[in-house]
Amino acid sequence: MLDPSILSELERIARRTGRPTSHVIRESLERYVTDAREQEAQRLPSFVGKFSGGEDGNGNVAERADEILREELPEHLLSERDD
């Protein structure tokens, strides 16, 4: 399952810190998942960059920003935005 060199390094860390290898693996996975969650939370919504400034055929985009967001954002994001 694990690359042998990774497993050897985990075992070395476990010996050095006096902890079971399973604890080192669990801690590593927890950090990975936490980091992945944080990175995902920092991603911009898919609509960012979708529009250019100026006229869009329906008027000035800046003046219509709220209207455009209401049309483009999923309902659950709109309720978070209004909080």
C-alpha atoms as a PDB file:
ATOM      1  CA  MET A   1       0.000   0.000   0.000  1.00  0.00           C
ATOM      2  CA  LEU A   2       2.715   2.495   0.967  1.00  0.00           C
ATOM      3  CA  ASP A   3       5.917   3.065  -0.912  1.00  0.00           C
ATOM      4  CA  PRO A   4       8.613   1.221   1.090  1.00  0.00           C
ATOM      5  CA  SER A   5      10.780   4.336   1.389  1.00  0.00           C
ATOM      6  CA  ILE A   6       7.839   6.323   2.817  1.00  0.00           C
ATOM      7  CA  LEU A   7       7.046   3.550   5.294  1.00  0.00           C
ATOM      8  CA  SER A   8      10.709   3.405   6.355  1.00  0.00           C
ATOM      9  CA  GLU A   9      10.720   7.157   6.931  1.00  0.00           C
ATOM     10  CA  LEU A  10       7.507   6.953   8.978  1.00  0.00           C
ATOM     11  CA  GLU A  11       8.981   4.161  11.081  1.00  0.00           C
ATOM     12  CA  ARG A  12      12.164   6.203  11.621  1.00  0.00           C
ATOM     13  CA  ILE A  13      10.101   9.200  12.769  1.00  0.00           C
ATOM     14  CA  ALA A  14       8.091   6.955  15.087  1.00  0.00           C
ATOM     15  CA  ARG A  15      11.239   5.518  16.695  1.00  0.00           C
ATOM     16  CA  ARG A  16      12.820   8.960  17.043  1.00  0.00           C
ATOM     17  CA  THR A  17       9.712  10.401  18.720  1.00  0.00           C
ATOM     18  CA  GLY A  18       8.909   7.308  20.768  1.00  0.00           C
ATOM     19  CA  ARG A  19       5.439   6.885  19.299  1.00  0.00           C
ATOM     20  CA  PRO A  20       3.819   3.984  17.477  1.00  0.00           C
ATOM     21  CA  THR A  21       4.047   4.125  13.682  1.00  0.00           C
ATOM     22  CA  SER A  22       0.238   4.067  13.512  1.00  0.00           C
ATOM     23  CA  HIS A  23       0.104   7.354  15.455  1.00  0.00           C
ATOM     24  CA  VAL A  24       2.573   8.991  13.088  1.00  0.00           C
ATOM     25  CA  ILE A  25       0.535   7.794  10.090  1.00  0.00           C
ATOM     26  CA  ARG A  26      -2.752   8.966  11.656  1.00  0.00           C
ATOM     27  CA  GLU A  27      -1.279  12.385  12.461  1.00  0.00           C
ATOM     28  CA  SER A  28       0.083  12.698   8.919  1.00  0.00           C
ATOM     29  CA  LEU A  29      -3.303  11.869   7.409  1.00  0.00           C
ATOM     30  CA  GLU A  30      -5.078  14.339   9.705  1.00  0.00           C
ATOM     31  CA  ARG A  31      -2.682  17.099   8.635  1.00  0.00           C
ATOM     32  CA  TYR A  32      -3.150  16.222   4.978  1.00  0.00           C
ATOM     33  CA  VAL A  33      -6.943  16.309   5.224  1.00  0.00           C
ATOM     34  CA  THR A  34      -6.896  19.583   7.203  1.00  0.00           C
ATOM     35  CA  ASP A  35      -4.572  21.216   4.666  1.00  0.00           C
ATOM     36  CA  ALA A  36      -6.695  19.978   1.751  1.00  0.00           C
ATOM     37  CA  ARG A  37      -9.845  21.374   3.411  1.00  0.00           C
ATOM     38  CA  GLU A  38      -8.189  24.759   3.958  1.00  0.00           C
ATOM     39  CA  GLN A  39      -6.955  24.916   0.362  1.00  0.00           C
ATOM     40  CA  GLU A  40     -10.419  24.055  -0.932  1.00  0.00           C
ATOM     41  CA  ALA A  41     -11.972  26.750   1.234  1.00  0.00           C
ATOM     42  CA  GLN A  42      -9.578  29.315  -0.235  1.00  0.00           C
ATOM     43  CA  ARG A  43     -10.516  28.528  -3.835  1.00  0.00           C
ATOM     44  CA  LEU A  44     -12.461  31.192  -5.642  1.00  0.00           C
ATOM     45  CA  PRO A  45     -15.998  30.392  -6.770  1.00  0.00           C
ATOM     46  CA  SER A  46     -16.339  29.205 -10.375  1.00  0.00           C
ATOM     47  CA  PHE A  47     -18.027  32.438 -11.453  1.00  0.00           C
ATOM     48  CA  VAL A  48     -14.939  34.553 -10.627  1.00  0.00           C
ATOM     49  CA  GLY A  49     -13.437  35.846 -13.850  1.00  0.00           C
ATOM     50  CA  LYS A  50     -16.537  34.929 -15.819  1.00  0.00           C
ATOM     51  CA  PHE A  51     -17.495  38.528 -16.471  1.00  0.00           C
ATOM     52  CA  SER A  52     -15.614  41.467 -17.846  1.00  0.00           C
ATOM     53  CA  GLY A  53     -16.191  45.049 -16.810  1.00  0.00           C
ATOM     54  CA  GLY A  54     -18.007  47.613 -18.883  1.00  0.00           C
ATOM     55  CA  GLU A  55     -21.123  46.935 -20.889  1.00  0.00           C
ATOM     56  CA  ASP A  56     -22.483  43.397 -21.237  1.00  0.00           C
ATOM     57  CA  GLY A  57     -25.430  44.088 -23.506  1.00  0.00           C
ATOM     58  CA  ASN A  58     -27.734  44.517 -20.514  1.00  0.00           C
ATOM     59  CA  GLY A  59     -26.090  47.552 -18.975  1.00  0.00           C
ATOM     60  CA  ASN A  60     -23.019  48.248 -16.907  1.00  0.00           C
ATOM     61  CA  VAL A  61     -21.737  45.104 -15.186  1.00  0.00           C
ATOM     62  CA  ALA A  62     -20.674  46.968 -12.033  1.00  0.00           C
ATOM     63  CA  GLU A  63     -24.126  48.488 -11.659  1.00  0.00           C
ATOM     64  CA  ARG A  64     -25.724  45.053 -12.115  1.00  0.00           C
ATOM     65  CA  ALA A  65     -23.338  43.116  -9.833  1.00  0.00           C
ATOM     66  CA  ASP A  66     -25.992  42.080  -7.293  1.00  0.00           C
ATOM     67  CA  GLU A  67     -28.392  41.038 -10.035  1.00  0.00           C
ATOM     68  CA  ILE A  68     -25.700  38.998 -11.793  1.00  0.00           C
ATOM     69  CA  LEU A  69     -24.687  37.278  -8.557  1.00  0.00           C
ATOM     70  CA  ARG A  70     -28.299  36.368  -7.795  1.00  0.00           C
ATOM     71  CA  GLU A  71     -28.566  34.786 -11.247  1.00  0.00           C
ATOM     72  CA  GLU A  72     -25.243  32.948 -11.078  1.00  0.00           C
ATOM     73  CA  LEU A  73     -24.786  31.881  -7.454  1.00  0.00           C
ATOM     74  CA  PRO A  74     -26.361  28.683  -6.196  1.00  0.00           C
ATOM     75  CA  GLU A  75     -29.106  29.377  -3.656  1.00  0.00           C
ATOM     76  CA  HIS A  76     -27.135  28.048  -0.656  1.00  0.00           C
ATOM     77  CA  LEU A  77     -24.268  30.453  -1.377  1.00  0.00           C
ATOM     78  CA  LEU A  78     -26.628  33.389  -1.618  1.00  0.00           C
ATOM     79  CA  SER A  79     -27.949  32.759   1.882  1.00  0.00           C
ATOM     80  CA  GLU A  80     -24.354  32.583   3.217  1.00  0.00           C
ATOM     81  CA  ARG A  81     -23.522  35.827   1.402  1.00  0.00           C
ATOM     82  CA  ASP A  82     -26.455  37.666   3.002  1.00  0.00           C
ATOM     83  CA  ASP A  83     -25.458  36.605   6.551  1.00  0.00           C
END
